[in-house]
Protein backbone atom coordinates (compact mmCIF):
# COMPACT_ATOMS: atom_id res chain seq x y z
CA MET A 1 239.81 20.33 -111.27
CA LYS A 2 238.50 17.98 -113.90
CA GLY A 3 241.00 15.36 -112.93
CA LEU A 4 239.88 15.72 -109.32
CA PHE A 5 236.32 15.16 -110.37
CA LYS A 6 237.26 12.23 -112.51
CA TRP A 7 239.14 10.51 -109.74
CA CYS A 8 236.28 11.21 -107.30
CA GLY A 9 233.83 9.71 -109.77
CA ILE A 10 236.04 6.68 -110.26
CA LEU A 11 236.40 6.21 -106.44
CA ILE A 12 232.63 6.48 -105.98
CA GLY A 13 232.03 3.98 -108.80
CA VAL A 14 234.46 1.46 -107.31
CA LEU A 15 232.69 1.78 -103.91
CA VAL A 16 229.26 1.16 -105.30
CA ILE A 17 230.67 -1.92 -107.21
CA LEU A 18 232.06 -3.08 -103.90
CA ILE A 19 228.85 -2.54 -102.05
CA ILE A 20 226.83 -4.38 -104.77
CA ALA A 21 229.32 -7.17 -104.79
CA ALA A 22 229.16 -7.63 -100.99
CA SER A 23 225.39 -7.39 -100.97
CA VAL A 24 225.19 -10.14 -103.70
CA VAL A 25 227.50 -12.32 -101.53
CA VAL A 26 225.31 -11.85 -98.60
CA ILE A 27 222.22 -12.83 -100.62
CA LEU A 28 223.79 -15.89 -101.98
CA VAL A 29 225.29 -17.08 -98.76
CA VAL A 30 223.04 -15.90 -95.98
CA ASP A 31 219.57 -17.38 -95.53
CA LYS A 32 217.52 -18.19 -92.48
CA GLU A 33 218.48 -21.94 -92.52
CA MET A 34 222.19 -21.03 -92.50
CA ILE A 35 221.85 -18.54 -89.73
CA ALA A 36 219.76 -20.85 -87.68
CA GLY A 37 222.28 -23.75 -88.31
CA GLN A 38 225.28 -21.58 -87.25
CA MET A 39 223.41 -20.43 -84.10
CA GLU A 40 222.46 -24.10 -83.17
CA SER A 41 226.26 -25.11 -83.58
CA VAL A 42 227.41 -22.26 -81.36
CA LEU A 43 224.58 -22.29 -78.72
CA HIS A 44 223.94 -26.04 -78.64
CA ARG A 45 220.16 -25.14 -78.69
CA HIS A 46 217.33 -25.72 -81.29
CA VAL A 47 216.84 -22.41 -83.28
CA THR A 48 213.99 -21.47 -85.67
CA ILE A 49 213.73 -18.05 -87.74
CA ASP A 50 210.59 -17.25 -89.55
CA ALA A 51 212.19 -14.84 -91.99
CA ILE A 52 215.25 -12.99 -92.98
CA ASP A 53 215.18 -9.84 -95.16
CA ILE A 54 218.23 -9.27 -97.39
CA GLY A 55 218.12 -6.96 -100.26
CA LEU A 56 220.49 -5.89 -103.02
CA PHE A 57 221.91 -3.10 -100.72
CA SER A 58 221.83 -4.78 -97.36
CA VAL A 59 225.40 -4.11 -96.65
CA VAL A 60 224.31 -0.41 -96.43
CA SER A 61 220.63 -0.52 -95.54
CA GLY A 62 220.93 -3.31 -93.04
CA ILE A 63 219.51 -6.81 -92.35
CA GLU A 64 216.19 -7.60 -90.69
CA VAL A 65 215.51 -10.85 -89.06
CA ALA A 66 212.11 -11.89 -87.76
CA GLY A 67 210.51 -14.53 -85.54
CA VAL A 68 213.72 -16.05 -83.78
CA LYS A 69 213.04 -18.69 -81.16
CA ILE A 70 215.88 -20.53 -79.18
CA SER A 71 215.42 -23.56 -77.06
CA ASN A 72 216.95 -24.72 -73.90
CA TYR A 73 220.16 -26.76 -74.05
CA LYS A 74 220.11 -29.81 -76.49
CA THR A 75 222.42 -32.70 -77.25
CA PRO A 76 223.66 -33.22 -80.84
CA GLU A 77 221.26 -36.22 -81.09
CA GLN A 78 218.31 -34.12 -79.75
CA LEU A 79 219.03 -31.22 -82.32
CA GLU A 80 219.13 -33.70 -85.19
CA ALA A 81 215.65 -35.15 -84.01
CA LEU A 82 214.25 -31.56 -83.74
CA ALA A 83 215.41 -30.49 -87.35
CA GLY A 84 212.43 -28.90 -89.13
CA LYS A 85 210.33 -28.61 -86.00
CA PRO A 86 209.15 -25.50 -84.10
CA VAL A 87 210.59 -24.70 -80.80
CA ALA A 88 208.03 -25.64 -77.99
CA ASP A 89 206.70 -22.72 -75.87
CA ASN A 90 207.51 -24.84 -72.66
CA ASP A 91 211.01 -25.23 -73.73
CA LEU A 92 211.70 -21.51 -74.80
CA PHE A 93 215.21 -19.98 -73.54
CA ALA A 94 214.94 -16.83 -75.66
CA GLY A 95 213.01 -15.49 -78.54
CA LEU A 96 212.39 -12.19 -80.30
CA LYS A 97 209.92 -10.61 -82.76
CA SER A 98 212.62 -8.99 -85.01
CA LEU A 99 216.22 -7.92 -85.07
CA SER A 100 217.67 -5.24 -87.27
CA LEU A 101 221.41 -4.65 -87.95
CA LYS A 102 222.80 -1.67 -89.71
CA LEU A 103 226.72 -1.44 -89.84
CA LYS A 104 228.49 1.28 -91.64
CA VAL A 105 231.01 -0.09 -94.01
CA LEU A 106 233.25 2.81 -94.91
CA PRO A 107 234.51 3.65 -91.38
CA LEU A 108 235.99 0.19 -91.17
CA LEU A 109 238.74 1.04 -93.66
CA SER A 110 239.94 3.64 -91.24
CA GLY A 111 239.84 1.33 -88.10
CA SER A 112 236.55 2.61 -86.70
CA VAL A 113 233.56 0.25 -85.91
CA GLN A 114 230.51 2.31 -86.37
CA VAL A 115 227.08 0.58 -85.68
CA GLY A 116 224.06 2.74 -86.99
CA GLU A 117 221.63 0.21 -85.36
CA PHE A 118 221.45 -3.08 -83.74
CA VAL A 119 218.14 -3.52 -81.88
CA LEU A 120 216.30 -6.61 -80.68
CA ARG A 121 212.53 -5.87 -80.68
CA GLU A 122 210.10 -7.64 -78.19
CA PRO A 123 212.67 -10.04 -77.03
CA VAL A 124 211.44 -12.84 -74.40
CA ILE A 125 214.04 -14.38 -72.19
CA HIS A 126 213.52 -17.06 -69.56
CA VAL A 127 216.52 -17.33 -66.99
CA VAL A 128 216.39 -20.32 -64.58
CA LYS A 129 218.93 -20.75 -61.71
CA TYR A 130 218.70 -24.53 -60.57
CA LYS A 131 219.12 -25.73 -57.05
CA ASN A 132 222.82 -26.78 -57.68
CA GLY A 133 223.54 -23.04 -58.49
CA THR A 134 223.97 -23.42 -62.13
CA PHE A 135 221.91 -21.54 -64.67
CA ASN A 136 220.14 -22.63 -68.03
CA PHE A 137 222.85 -20.61 -69.82
CA SER A 138 225.91 -21.85 -67.77
CA ASP A 139 226.94 -24.05 -70.56
CA LEU A 140 227.50 -20.93 -72.69
CA LEU A 141 230.06 -19.68 -70.31
CA LYS A 142 232.33 -22.80 -70.21
CA PRO A 143 234.50 -21.74 -73.24
CA GLU A 144 235.07 -18.25 -71.56
CA GLU A 145 235.98 -20.02 -68.36
CA GLU A 146 238.58 -22.03 -70.29
CA LYS A 147 239.93 -18.90 -71.88
CA ALA A 148 240.04 -17.11 -68.38
CA GLU A 149 242.64 -19.60 -67.17
CA LYS A 150 245.02 -18.44 -69.85
CA ILE A 151 244.91 -14.82 -69.07
CA THR A 152 246.26 -12.70 -66.21
CA GLY A 153 243.03 -11.69 -64.74
CA GLU A 154 243.79 -7.98 -65.13
CA PRO A 155 240.75 -5.61 -65.79
CA LEU A 156 240.33 -4.55 -69.41
CA SER A 157 241.98 -1.36 -70.38
CA ALA A 158 241.22 1.08 -73.06
CA ASP A 159 244.45 0.24 -74.64
CA ASP A 160 243.09 -3.26 -75.30
CA LEU A 161 240.63 -1.78 -77.73
CA PRO A 162 242.01 -2.14 -81.26
CA VAL A 163 239.65 0.36 -82.79
CA SER A 164 237.40 3.20 -81.85
CA LEU A 165 233.83 2.66 -81.41
CA VAL A 166 230.72 4.77 -82.41
CA LEU A 167 227.14 3.47 -81.79
CA GLY A 168 224.03 4.95 -83.17
CA LYS A 169 221.42 2.94 -81.33
CA ILE A 170 222.07 -0.63 -79.80
CA GLY A 171 219.99 -2.52 -77.31
CA LEU A 172 216.35 -4.01 -77.02
CA GLU A 173 212.81 -2.67 -77.07
CA GLN A 174 209.63 -3.92 -75.24
CA GLY A 175 211.32 -7.04 -73.80
CA MET A 176 210.16 -9.42 -71.16
CA VAL A 177 212.58 -11.37 -68.85
CA THR A 178 211.58 -13.97 -66.37
CA TYR A 179 213.95 -15.00 -63.69
CA LEU A 180 213.19 -18.17 -61.82
CA ASP A 181 215.37 -19.24 -58.85
CA LYS A 182 214.51 -22.73 -58.00
CA ARG A 183 216.66 -22.87 -54.93
CA ALA A 184 214.93 -19.86 -53.24
CA ASN A 185 211.54 -20.72 -55.07
CA ARG A 186 210.85 -17.24 -56.23
CA THR A 187 210.29 -15.60 -59.58
CA LEU A 188 211.16 -12.18 -60.68
CA GLN A 189 209.27 -10.57 -63.65
CA ILE A 190 210.83 -7.73 -65.78
CA TYR A 191 208.34 -6.48 -68.17
CA ASP A 192 207.90 -3.72 -70.89
CA LEU A 193 211.82 -3.47 -70.87
CA THR A 194 213.49 -1.13 -73.22
CA PHE A 195 217.03 -0.59 -72.73
CA LEU A 196 218.98 1.44 -75.45
CA ALA A 197 222.69 2.68 -75.58
CA HIS A 198 223.00 5.37 -78.12
CA SER A 199 225.10 8.32 -79.11
CA ALA A 200 228.27 6.51 -78.01
CA SER A 201 231.78 7.26 -78.78
CA ILE A 202 234.81 5.57 -77.35
CA ASP A 203 238.19 6.21 -78.71
CA PRO A 204 241.24 4.89 -76.82
CA ARG A 205 243.46 7.68 -78.37
CA GLN A 206 241.12 10.49 -77.19
CA LEU A 207 239.75 9.08 -73.87
CA GLU A 208 239.36 12.35 -72.19
CA LYS A 209 236.93 13.64 -74.79
CA LYS A 210 235.45 10.30 -76.21
CA ASN A 211 234.47 7.98 -73.35
CA GLU A 212 230.74 8.16 -73.00
CA VAL A 213 227.62 6.07 -73.80
CA LYS A 214 224.23 7.68 -73.46
CA ILE A 215 221.50 5.33 -71.92
CA LYS A 216 217.68 5.17 -72.04
CA PHE A 217 215.99 2.64 -69.84
CA GLU A 218 212.42 1.90 -69.23
CA THR A 219 210.74 -1.07 -67.45
CA GLY A 220 208.40 -2.58 -65.01
CA ILE A 221 209.61 -5.07 -62.38
CA LYS A 222 207.86 -7.13 -59.75
CA PRO A 223 208.41 -10.61 -58.10
CA LYS A 224 205.94 -13.25 -58.35
CA GLU A 225 205.81 -14.05 -54.64
CA ARG A 226 206.25 -12.14 -51.50
CA ARG A 227 209.48 -12.49 -49.51
CA LYS A 228 209.84 -12.63 -45.82
CA THR A 229 213.55 -11.47 -45.88
CA GLY A 230 215.39 -8.69 -47.47
CA ALA A 231 214.90 -4.91 -47.59
CA VAL A 232 211.39 -5.03 -49.27
CA GLU A 233 208.82 -7.96 -49.12
CA TYR A 234 206.93 -7.00 -52.31
CA PHE A 235 207.13 -4.36 -54.93
CA ASP A 236 205.62 -3.49 -58.29
CA LEU A 237 207.58 -0.61 -59.83
CA GLY A 238 207.52 1.37 -63.17
CA ILE A 239 210.91 2.90 -63.81
CA ALA A 240 212.11 5.26 -66.55
CA ALA A 241 215.70 6.63 -66.57
CA LYS A 242 218.23 8.35 -68.78
CA GLY A 243 221.90 9.47 -68.42
CA SER A 244 225.18 8.38 -69.39
CA VAL A 245 228.10 5.90 -68.68
CA LYS A 246 231.78 6.48 -68.79
CA PRO A 247 233.18 3.01 -69.24
CA PHE A 248 236.69 3.74 -68.63
CA ASP A 249 238.47 5.64 -65.74
CA VAL A 250 240.50 8.34 -67.53
CA LYS A 251 243.46 8.25 -65.06
CA THR A 252 243.87 4.47 -64.82
CA ARG A 253 242.56 3.84 -68.35
CA LEU A 254 240.88 0.60 -66.89
CA LEU A 255 237.27 -0.49 -67.25
CA ASP A 256 235.54 1.03 -64.15
CA PRO A 257 232.22 2.37 -65.23
CA GLU A 258 230.87 5.73 -63.84
CA VAL A 259 227.09 5.90 -64.22
CA ALA A 260 224.91 9.18 -63.73
CA LEU A 261 221.21 8.76 -64.27
CA GLU A 262 217.99 10.73 -63.83
CA VAL A 263 215.45 8.24 -62.65
CA GLU A 264 211.65 8.52 -62.61
CA SER A 265 208.84 6.14 -61.31
CA PRO A 266 205.42 7.25 -62.58
CA ASN A 267 203.92 4.66 -60.48
CA GLY A 268 204.78 2.07 -57.94
CA THR A 269 203.80 -0.26 -54.88
CA LEU A 270 206.21 -1.27 -52.09
CA SER A 271 205.29 -3.66 -49.27
CA GLY A 272 207.14 -4.65 -46.14
CA VAL A 273 209.79 -1.93 -46.54
CA LYS A 274 212.41 -2.42 -43.83
CA ILE A 275 213.18 1.27 -43.43
CA LEU A 276 209.64 2.42 -43.16
CA LYS A 277 208.92 -0.38 -40.64
CA ALA A 278 211.77 0.98 -38.60
CA ILE A 279 210.58 4.51 -38.64
CA GLN A 280 207.27 3.34 -37.16
CA SER A 281 209.00 2.53 -33.81
CA VAL A 282 210.91 5.89 -33.16
CA LYS A 283 210.63 6.25 -29.42
CA ALA A 284 210.68 9.99 -29.24
CA ILE A 285 207.20 10.10 -30.95
CA GLU A 286 205.91 6.62 -29.86
CA GLN A 287 205.61 8.02 -26.16
CA TYR A 288 202.69 10.13 -27.51
CA THR A 289 201.15 7.94 -30.24
CA GLY A 290 202.42 4.32 -30.02
CA LYS A 291 203.64 3.06 -33.40
CA LEU A 292 203.04 5.44 -36.43
CA SER A 293 199.84 3.81 -37.85
CA PHE A 294 199.63 6.10 -40.79
CA LEU A 295 202.66 4.13 -42.29
CA GLN A 296 200.64 1.40 -43.92
CA ASP A 297 202.33 -1.93 -44.77
CA GLU A 298 201.78 -1.23 -48.48
CA VAL A 299 202.83 2.15 -49.76
CA THR A 300 201.94 3.36 -53.18
CA TRP A 301 202.79 6.63 -55.04
CA LYS A 302 201.87 8.50 -58.18
CA GLU A 303 205.20 10.12 -58.90
CA ALA A 304 208.82 9.63 -57.81
CA ASP A 305 212.16 10.88 -59.12
CA MET A 306 215.78 11.00 -58.01
CA ASP A 307 219.35 11.54 -59.39
CA VAL A 308 221.64 8.44 -59.05
CA TRP A 309 225.49 8.27 -59.38
CA TYR A 310 227.41 5.11 -59.12
CA LYS A 311 231.14 3.95 -59.30
CA ALA A 312 233.08 1.00 -57.77
CA GLY A 313 230.28 -0.24 -55.82
CA ASN A 314 229.13 2.91 -54.24
CA ALA A 315 225.91 4.58 -55.04
CA LYS A 316 224.80 8.06 -54.30
CA VAL A 317 221.23 9.38 -54.44
CA SER A 318 220.34 13.08 -54.44
CA THR A 319 217.19 15.21 -54.93
CA GLY A 320 215.01 12.14 -54.40
CA ARG A 321 211.36 12.69 -53.81
CA ILE A 322 208.20 10.36 -53.69
CA GLU A 323 204.62 11.88 -54.01
CA GLY A 324 201.91 9.63 -52.59
CA GLU A 325 198.32 10.19 -52.07
CA ASP A 326 198.70 11.44 -48.63
CA TYR A 327 202.30 11.96 -47.97
CA SER A 328 205.50 13.00 -49.71
CA LEU A 329 209.08 11.70 -48.93
CA ASP A 330 212.35 13.52 -49.62
CA PHE A 331 215.56 11.66 -49.52
CA SER A 332 219.34 11.68 -50.26
CA GLY A 333 222.35 9.62 -49.19
CA THR A 334 224.72 6.87 -50.00
CA THR A 335 224.76 3.00 -50.21
CA ASN A 336 227.56 0.53 -50.44
CA MET A 337 226.32 -2.11 -52.95
CA ASP A 338 228.70 -4.73 -51.53
CA THR A 339 228.19 -4.11 -47.73
CA LYS A 340 224.70 -2.89 -48.09
CA ALA A 341 225.69 -0.10 -45.59
CA ILE A 342 223.41 2.92 -45.91
CA ASP A 343 223.72 6.68 -44.75
CA LEU A 344 220.40 8.32 -45.62
CA ASP A 345 218.57 11.68 -44.93
CA LEU A 346 214.78 11.28 -44.95
CA GLY A 347 212.11 14.04 -44.85
CA MET A 348 208.54 12.99 -44.55
CA GLU A 349 205.42 15.30 -44.69
CA LEU A 350 202.00 13.87 -44.11
CA GLY A 351 198.95 15.17 -45.82
CA GLU A 352 195.94 16.60 -44.01
CA GLU A 353 194.08 13.32 -43.42
CA PRO A 354 196.98 11.30 -41.82
CA THR A 355 197.97 14.54 -39.84
CA GLN A 356 194.48 14.60 -38.33
CA ALA A 357 194.72 10.80 -37.71
CA LEU A 358 197.86 11.35 -35.91
CA ARG A 359 196.33 14.12 -33.81
CA ALA A 360 193.55 11.71 -32.67
CA SER A 361 196.06 9.17 -31.86
CA ILE A 362 198.05 11.43 -29.65
CA GLU A 363 194.88 12.92 -27.88
CA LYS A 364 193.78 9.24 -27.18
CA LYS A 365 197.22 8.62 -25.64
CA MET A 366 197.21 11.70 -23.54
CA LYS A 367 193.79 10.64 -21.91
CA GLN A 368 195.29 7.33 -21.08
CA GLU A 369 198.24 9.02 -19.48
CA LEU A 370 196.46 11.80 -17.57
CA LYS A 371 195.03 9.76 -14.66
CA GLY A 372 194.02 10.66 -11.06
CA ASP A 373 194.11 14.22 -9.80
CA VAL A 374 196.35 15.47 -12.74
CA GLY A 375 193.67 14.49 -15.25
CA LYS A 376 191.20 16.75 -13.49
CA TYR A 377 193.39 19.86 -13.97
CA VAL A 378 195.37 19.14 -17.03
CA SER A 379 193.45 19.00 -20.45
CA SER A 380 194.44 16.23 -23.01
CA GLU A 381 193.52 18.64 -25.69
CA GLN A 382 196.09 21.23 -24.33
CA LEU A 383 198.81 18.61 -24.27
CA THR A 384 197.82 17.48 -27.87
CA ASP A 385 197.92 21.05 -29.08
CA MET A 386 201.52 21.25 -27.55
CA VAL A 387 202.69 18.05 -29.14
CA MET A 388 201.20 18.95 -32.63
CA LYS A 389 202.71 22.30 -32.51
CA ARG A 390 206.12 20.80 -32.39
CA LEU A 391 205.33 18.22 -35.23
CA THR A 392 203.75 20.38 -37.91
CA ASN A 393 205.24 22.75 -40.42
CA GLU A 394 203.99 26.18 -41.58
CA ASP A 395 201.46 24.34 -43.69
CA GLY A 396 200.02 22.67 -40.66
CA ASN A 397 201.26 19.16 -41.71
CA VAL A 398 203.29 16.84 -39.70
CA PHE A 399 206.90 16.90 -40.98
CA LEU A 400 209.63 14.44 -39.65
CA LYS A 401 213.25 14.27 -40.41
CA TYR A 402 215.33 11.15 -39.92
CA LYS A 403 218.91 10.10 -40.25
CA VAL A 404 219.13 6.48 -41.26
CA LYS A 405 222.34 4.33 -40.75
CA GLY A 406 222.68 0.52 -40.63
CA THR A 407 222.07 -1.70 -43.61
CA THR A 408 219.25 -2.04 -46.17
CA THR A 409 218.11 -5.14 -44.21
CA SER A 410 218.70 -3.73 -40.82
CA PRO A 411 218.17 0.13 -40.85
CA LYS A 412 218.71 2.21 -37.76
CA PRO A 413 216.68 5.37 -38.01
CA THR A 414 216.99 8.35 -35.67
CA LEU A 415 214.71 11.27 -35.39
CA VAL A 416 216.60 14.43 -35.78
CA GLY A 417 213.62 16.79 -36.13
CA PRO A 418 211.48 18.17 -34.72
CA THR A 419 212.47 17.92 -31.10
CA VAL A 420 209.75 16.37 -29.06
CA PRO A 421 210.19 16.54 -25.24
CA PRO A 422 209.12 13.89 -22.78
CA LEU A 423 205.62 14.13 -21.23
CA GLN A 424 206.91 15.45 -17.96
CA ALA A 425 208.69 18.32 -19.73
CA LEU A 426 205.49 19.43 -21.42
CA LEU A 427 203.59 19.28 -18.03
CA LYS A 428 206.36 21.46 -16.59
CA GLU A 429 205.99 23.86 -19.56
CA MET A 430 202.41 24.32 -18.72
CA GLY A 431 203.05 25.60 -15.28
CA GLY A 432 205.10 23.10 -13.10
CA ASP A 433 205.66 19.29 -12.74
CA VAL A 434 202.92 16.78 -12.13
CA ALA A 435 203.07 17.02 -8.26
CA ASP A 436 203.13 20.81 -8.33
CA ILE A 437 200.08 20.92 -10.54
CA ALA A 438 198.18 18.51 -8.42
CA THR A 439 199.21 20.16 -5.19
CA GLU A 440 198.37 23.58 -6.36
CA ALA A 441 195.03 22.46 -7.79
CA ALA A 442 194.20 20.73 -4.50
CA LYS A 443 194.87 23.91 -2.63
CA LYS A 444 192.70 25.84 -4.89
CA GLU A 445 189.93 23.11 -4.54
CA GLY A 446 190.25 23.28 -0.66
CA GLN A 447 190.11 27.04 -0.69
CA LYS A 448 187.00 26.91 -2.77
CA ALA A 449 185.28 24.46 -0.26
CA ILE A 450 186.02 26.89 2.56
CA ASP A 451 184.73 29.82 0.53
CA ASP A 452 181.59 27.95 -0.43
CA ALA A 453 181.11 26.83 3.26
CA THR A 454 181.36 30.26 4.49
CA LYS A 455 179.12 31.61 1.99
CA GLN A 456 176.49 29.03 2.92
CA LEU A 457 176.96 29.79 6.62
CA GLY A 458 176.26 33.42 5.91
CA ASP A 459 173.14 32.73 3.98
CA ASP A 460 171.76 30.71 6.66
CA LEU A 461 172.40 33.35 9.40
CA ARG A 462 170.73 36.05 7.25
CA LYS A 463 167.72 33.69 6.91
CA LYS A 464 167.44 33.14 10.61
CA LEU A 465 168.04 36.74 11.56
CA LYS A 466 165.83 37.91 8.59
CA PHE A 467 168.08 40.54 7.30
């Protein structure tokens, strides 16, 4: 037993010496000028770093880098001229407040890469797509394109991984991304972006058990300008999601991610939504109301959530619900991300105010329809009551169910419930068709005139005969 303790002590001592030696090498070799220079040679961009924190045990505790700024593309001559100068704000390609890297050393000896933490904090990224179709990072892809010519083009397999991978936390926090498309003249802003992959374990030798990455995602997203084409004209969304990704298909062992997320949106605004615009013109209800005016051009909500599943271009949404100020919307269905084809089920419940507004709209329409003799004998209020009875649920609120086919840019909704009959059918339900009601009413009117005349004649005779 003493021998065992002795060898354990020696082993621990050797490891400590190795860690200290590695840390000393890092301290002597790594500084902010060296890191910035290496980045410039690889990225072909001007790079500045405010500070780099390297301690005696940095190999274990990690490295902290602060105040990194990276410019847009520069020629060697330009880089030489910019040496020692800051990156101009109007030339910023990317920057970040700080970066932390913590890599576990001992697992490397057994062929396992374990990253305790690799997090970019408050990164700022400006992406530009030029009119010729290239990006302000296209030059960074050229080496990969050259490599791509030498490979077969087969998708990545789990068997291509030389080691297993374990991640504690990797990603970015509180980032800002601006995307400018100069060809389409539009700008997309992604703000308060946090994207973290954590608790990940991928082992090609045990893919059935170890093939998952946990995800946490929070952001706000909005365009700078309104669009006249597409599924939505304008939006400003707050989004939070958590879930997991299975990077490899267990059967084929190929890279084919399967994503399952619980998504929440604590606030949001949508304007010019194609699906909602299509719902406004459903003929079954339009005969009574005209277009559904309660569906405003701009829709806001105070709470929304849904479950999302994605694999191989197909997305499935379930248990989706949006709570607005005066409406709620339940939804589920599928979307093909490549063809934009949709197959959705929607259920919309209106609050008290829009329900009453819809009733007023229906009654106004009924008054316009009930003309001539029919209008004398059929009440617009009666017809309105009959229509509302079919449109409302047990809570007295209008509830509409739709099936939506087509595409995201050209949706085709069909009202599947409630069933609203044509106006003629409602009149028949009240006691006959329009002609019958008018004829019967006319007969009653004529009989009443005869009865009134007879009564008047009797009164006159009584007066003359004085009895």
